[in-house]
C-alpha atoms as a PDB file:
ATOM      1  CA  MET A   1     -19.366 140.969-210.446  1.00  0.00           C
ATOM      2  CA  GLU A   2     -19.600 138.312-207.806  1.00  0.00           C
ATOM      3  CA  ALA A   3     -19.347 138.939-204.243  1.00  0.00           C
ATOM      4  CA  ARG A   4     -17.381 136.657-201.882  1.00  0.00           C
ATOM      5  CA  VAL A   5     -16.088 136.419-198.425  1.00  0.00           C
ATOM      6  CA  ALA A   6     -12.495 137.129-197.634  1.00  0.00           C
ATOM      7  CA  GLU A   7     -10.208 136.970-194.593  1.00  0.00           C
ATOM      8  CA  LEU A   8      -8.684 140.570-194.501  1.00  0.00           C
ATOM      9  CA  LYS A   9      -5.427 141.677-192.451  1.00  0.00           C
ATOM     10  CA  GLU A  10      -5.602 144.359-189.936  1.00  0.00           C
ATOM     11  CA  ARG A  11      -5.207 147.909-191.329  1.00  0.00           C
ATOM     12  CA  TRP A  12      -4.102 151.233-189.680  1.00  0.00           C
ATOM     13  CA  VAL A  13      -5.818 154.239-191.200  1.00  0.00           C
ATOM     14  CA  CYS A  14      -5.624 157.874-190.886  1.00  0.00           C
ATOM     15  CA  VAL A  15      -9.260 159.450-190.561  1.00  0.00           C
ATOM     16  CA  VAL A  16     -11.072 162.587-191.562  1.00  0.00           C
ATOM     17  CA  ALA A  17     -14.516 163.141-190.893  1.00  0.00           C
ATOM     18  CA  HIS A  18     -16.239 164.467-194.155  1.00  0.00           C
ATOM     19  CA  HIS A  19     -19.235 166.941-193.438  1.00  0.00           C
ATOM     20  CA  GLY A  20     -21.984 167.680-195.990  1.00  0.00           C
ATOM     21  CA  ASP A  21     -22.730 165.934-199.369  1.00  0.00           C
ATOM     22  CA  PRO A  22     -21.030 162.640-199.940  1.00  0.00           C
ATOM     23  CA  ALA A  23     -20.557 163.666-203.515  1.00  0.00           C
ATOM     24  CA  ALA A  24     -18.001 166.245-202.454  1.00  0.00           C
ATOM     25  CA  ILE A  25     -15.594 163.702-200.682  1.00  0.00           C
ATOM     26  CA  ASP A  26     -12.829 164.568-202.716  1.00  0.00           C
ATOM     27  CA  GLU A  27     -12.419 167.959-201.086  1.00  0.00           C
ATOM     28  CA  THR A  28     -11.651 166.129-197.997  1.00  0.00           C
ATOM     29  CA  ARG A  29     -10.126 162.782-199.379  1.00  0.00           C
ATOM     30  CA  ARG A  30      -7.314 164.519-201.897  1.00  0.00           C
ATOM     31  CA  PRO A  31      -5.986 166.744-199.306  1.00  0.00           C
ATOM     32  CA  LEU A  32      -5.687 163.989-196.823  1.00  0.00           C
ATOM     33  CA  TYR A  33      -4.176 161.889-199.315  1.00  0.00           C
ATOM     34  CA  ARG A  34      -1.921 164.288-200.536  1.00  0.00           C
ATOM     35  CA  HIS A  35      -0.743 165.332-196.779  1.00  0.00           C
ATOM     36  CA  MET A  36      -0.092 161.688-196.086  1.00  0.00           C
ATOM     37  CA  ILE A  37       2.208 161.441-199.469  1.00  0.00           C
ATOM     38  CA  LEU A  38       4.112 164.641-198.588  1.00  0.00           C
ATOM     39  CA  GLN A  39       4.708 163.153-194.790  1.00  0.00           C
ATOM     40  CA  GLU A  40       5.877 159.716-196.471  1.00  0.00           C
ATOM     41  CA  LEU A  41       2.835 158.007-194.366  1.00  0.00           C
ATOM     42  CA  VAL A  42       0.965 156.603-197.139  1.00  0.00           C
ATOM     43  CA  GLY A  43       0.850 152.521-196.652  1.00  0.00           C
ATOM     44  CA  GLY A  44      -2.017 151.731-199.065  1.00  0.00           C
ATOM     45  CA  PRO A  45      -5.068 152.931-200.839  1.00  0.00           C
ATOM     46  CA  SER A  46      -7.542 155.761-199.814  1.00  0.00           C
ATOM     47  CA  ILE A  47     -10.972 154.470-198.429  1.00  0.00           C
ATOM     48  CA  LEU A  48     -14.288 155.835-197.997  1.00  0.00           C
ATOM     49  CA  ARG A  49     -16.116 154.620-194.745  1.00  0.00           C
ATOM     50  CA  TRP A  50     -19.829 154.689-195.191  1.00  0.00           C
ATOM     51  CA  LEU A  51     -21.172 155.172-191.774  1.00  0.00           C
ATOM     52  CA  GLU A  52     -24.201 152.619-190.748  1.00  0.00           C
ATOM     53  CA  ARG A  53     -26.165 155.719-189.648  1.00  0.00           C
ATOM     54  CA  PRO A  54     -25.529 159.588-190.471  1.00  0.00           C
ATOM     55  CA  VAL A  55     -23.848 161.568-187.574  1.00  0.00           C
ATOM     56  CA  GLY A  56     -25.634 164.922-188.210  1.00  0.00           C
ATOM     57  CA  ASP A  57     -24.367 165.822-191.717  1.00  0.00           C
ATOM     58  CA  ARG A  58     -21.742 163.371-191.918  1.00  0.00           C
ATOM     59  CA  VAL A  59     -22.477 159.949-193.879  1.00  0.00           C
ATOM     60  CA  VAL A  60     -18.877 159.361-194.811  1.00  0.00           C
ATOM     61  CA  ASP A  61     -15.208 159.477-193.873  1.00  0.00           C
ATOM     62  CA  ALA A  62     -12.198 159.749-195.772  1.00  0.00           C
ATOM     63  CA  LEU A  63      -9.423 157.307-194.752  1.00  0.00           C
ATOM     64  CA  VAL A  64      -5.753 156.634-196.152  1.00  0.00           C
ATOM     65  CA  GLN A  65      -4.170 153.487-194.989  1.00  0.00           C
ATOM     66  CA  THR A  66      -0.913 154.294-193.189  1.00  0.00           C
ATOM     67  CA  HIS A  67       1.837 152.335-191.368  1.00  0.00           C
ATOM     68  CA  ALA A  68       1.669 150.926-187.705  1.00  0.00           C
ATOM     69  CA  GLY A  69       3.433 153.352-185.287  1.00  0.00           C
ATOM     70  CA  PHE A  70       2.248 156.718-186.578  1.00  0.00           C
ATOM     71  CA  ASP A  71       0.322 158.248-184.173  1.00  0.00           C
ATOM     72  CA  GLY A  72      -1.728 160.941-186.223  1.00  0.00           C
ATOM     73  CA  ASP A  73      -1.165 164.778-186.389  1.00  0.00           C
ATOM     74  CA  GLU A  74      -3.018 167.761-186.697  1.00  0.00           C
ATOM     75  CA  LEU A  75      -5.028 166.587-189.677  1.00  0.00           C
ATOM     76  CA  CYS A  76      -5.890 163.189-188.981  1.00  0.00           C
ATOM     77  CA  LYS A  77      -6.524 160.551-186.273  1.00  0.00           C
ATOM     78  CA  ILE A  78      -5.446 157.128-186.518  1.00  0.00           C
ATOM     79  CA  GLU A  79      -7.730 154.185-186.393  1.00  0.00           C
ATOM     80  CA  ARG A  80      -7.387 150.510-186.620  1.00  0.00           C
ATOM     81  CA  ILE A  81      -9.594 148.611-188.960  1.00  0.00           C
ATOM     82  CA  PRO A  82      -9.253 145.007-187.395  1.00  0.00           C
ATOM     83  CA  ALA A  83      -8.545 141.757-189.261  1.00  0.00           C
ATOM     84  CA  GLY A  84     -11.281 139.521-189.989  1.00  0.00           C
ATOM     85  CA  ARG A  85     -14.206 138.391-192.507  1.00  0.00           C
ATOM     86  CA  PHE A  86     -15.478 140.665-194.906  1.00  0.00           C
ATOM     87  CA  ALA A  87     -18.160 140.223-197.656  1.00  0.00           C
ATOM     88  CA  VAL A  88     -16.163 141.787-200.563  1.00  0.00           C
ATOM     89  CA  LEU A  89     -17.154 142.872-203.979  1.00  0.00           C
ATOM     90  CA  ASP A  90     -14.732 143.932-206.768  1.00  0.00           C
ATOM     91  CA  TYR A  91     -16.271 146.701-208.769  1.00  0.00           C
ATOM     92  CA  GLU A  92     -15.325 148.186-212.203  1.00  0.00           C
ATOM     93  CA  GLY A  93     -17.650 150.716-213.868  1.00  0.00           C
ATOM     94  CA  PRO A  94     -19.190 154.111-213.824  1.00  0.00           C
ATOM     95  CA  GLU A  95     -18.636 156.128-210.405  1.00  0.00           C
ATOM     96  CA  ALA A  96     -22.292 156.805-210.535  1.00  0.00           C
ATOM     97  CA  ASP A  97     -23.319 153.260-210.084  1.00  0.00           C
ATOM     98  CA  LEU A  98     -21.152 152.804-206.917  1.00  0.00           C
ATOM     99  CA  ALA A  99     -24.279 153.229-204.597  1.00  0.00           C
ATOM    100  CA  GLU A 100     -25.975 150.670-206.504  1.00  0.00           C
ATOM    101  CA  ALA A 101     -22.816 148.286-205.972  1.00  0.00           C
ATOM    102  CA  ARG A 102     -22.607 149.022-202.148  1.00  0.00           C
ATOM    103  CA  THR A 103     -26.692 148.168-201.910  1.00  0.00           C
ATOM    104  CA  ALA A 104     -25.931 144.964-204.013  1.00  0.00           C
ATOM    105  CA  LEU A 105     -22.971 143.837-201.621  1.00  0.00           C
ATOM    106  CA  ARG A 106     -25.039 144.639-198.321  1.00  0.00           C
ATOM    107  CA  ASP A 107     -28.140 142.544-200.046  1.00  0.00           C
ATOM    108  CA  TRP A 108     -25.833 139.885-200.872  1.00  0.00           C
ATOM    109  CA  ALA A 109     -24.747 139.454-197.379  1.00  0.00           C
ATOM    110  CA  ARG A 110     -28.020 139.460-196.032  1.00  0.00           C
ATOM    111  CA  GLN A 111     -29.246 136.857-198.723  1.00  0.00           C
ATOM    112  CA  HIS A 112     -26.028 134.728-197.335  1.00  0.00           C
ATOM    113  CA  ARG A 113     -27.150 135.235-193.616  1.00  0.00           C
ATOM    114  CA  LEU A 114     -24.147 137.197-193.079  1.00  0.00           C
ATOM    115  CA  GLU A 115     -24.620 139.856-190.314  1.00  0.00           C
ATOM    116  CA  PRO A 116     -22.651 143.093-190.873  1.00  0.00           C
ATOM    117  CA  THR A 117     -20.372 144.149-187.870  1.00  0.00           C
ATOM    118  CA  GLY A 118     -19.577 147.413-188.872  1.00  0.00           C
ATOM    119  CA  PRO A 119     -19.491 150.141-191.710  1.00  0.00           C
ATOM    120  CA  LEU A 120     -19.058 149.361-195.448  1.00  0.00           C
ATOM    121  CA  LEU A 121     -15.518 150.351-196.746  1.00  0.00           C
ATOM    122  CA  GLN A 122     -15.081 151.450-200.414  1.00  0.00           C
ATOM    123  CA  VAL A 123     -11.188 151.110-201.172  1.00  0.00           C
ATOM    124  CA  HIS A 124     -10.232 153.183-204.219  1.00  0.00           C
ATOM    125  CA  LEU A 125      -7.934 151.131-206.466  1.00  0.00           C
ATOM    126  CA  MET A 126      -7.858 153.272-209.707  1.00  0.00           C
ATOM    127  CA  ASP A 127      -8.922 156.660-210.597  1.00  0.00           C
ATOM    128  CA  ALA A 128     -11.577 156.982-213.371  1.00  0.00           C
ATOM    129  CA  ILE A 129     -10.404 156.285-217.014  1.00  0.00           C
ATOM    130  CA  ASP A 130     -12.865 156.868-219.690  1.00  0.00           C
ATOM    131  CA  GLY A 131     -15.670 156.945-216.942  1.00  0.00           C
ATOM    132  CA  ILE A 132     -14.603 153.762-215.721  1.00  0.00           C
ATOM    133  CA  THR A 133     -13.513 153.167-212.115  1.00  0.00           C
ATOM    134  CA  GLU A 134     -11.876 150.423-210.005  1.00  0.00           C
ATOM    135  CA  GLN A 135     -12.920 150.021-206.353  1.00  0.00           C
ATOM    136  CA  GLN A 136     -13.424 147.272-204.010  1.00  0.00           C
ATOM    137  CA  LEU A 137     -16.256 147.137-201.407  1.00  0.00           C
ATOM    138  CA  GLN A 138     -16.071 145.562-198.058  1.00  0.00           C
ATOM    139  CA  LEU A 139     -18.218 145.005-195.544  1.00  0.00           C
ATOM    140  CA  PRO A 140     -17.253 143.297-192.095  1.00  0.00           C
ATOM    141  CA  VAL A 141     -19.522 140.257-191.257  1.00  0.00           C
ATOM    142  CA  ARG A 142     -19.804 137.387-188.905  1.00  0.00           C
END
């Protein structure tokens, strides 16, 4: 797994704050994703946004990429992830090692003198099969 810098496009996302243990994020993420599918609003994969600093008991938010023009609803608010430079790491492995991969990406960015400009995003590419998941870690940098 080698990190790299990539220019990523702007993305519109539906956001639901997750309160409590980050290990229980699926209790927030899956209902949000199901809601978006039923409303035909899914425009891409689900994303976890790891906050730079905890806000009370909140460490991570659940996001689902959607279409520009959707204003949100009673379940989710809309935010824009701006286009820009991101340190990116493609991860394939056990979900238990994702925390280590997030740390490795932050360390890589620091070693390459890249300054983070926002929270780390963990883009869900594939559910675990035989214990192996595929995720892409994205850290906005300058």
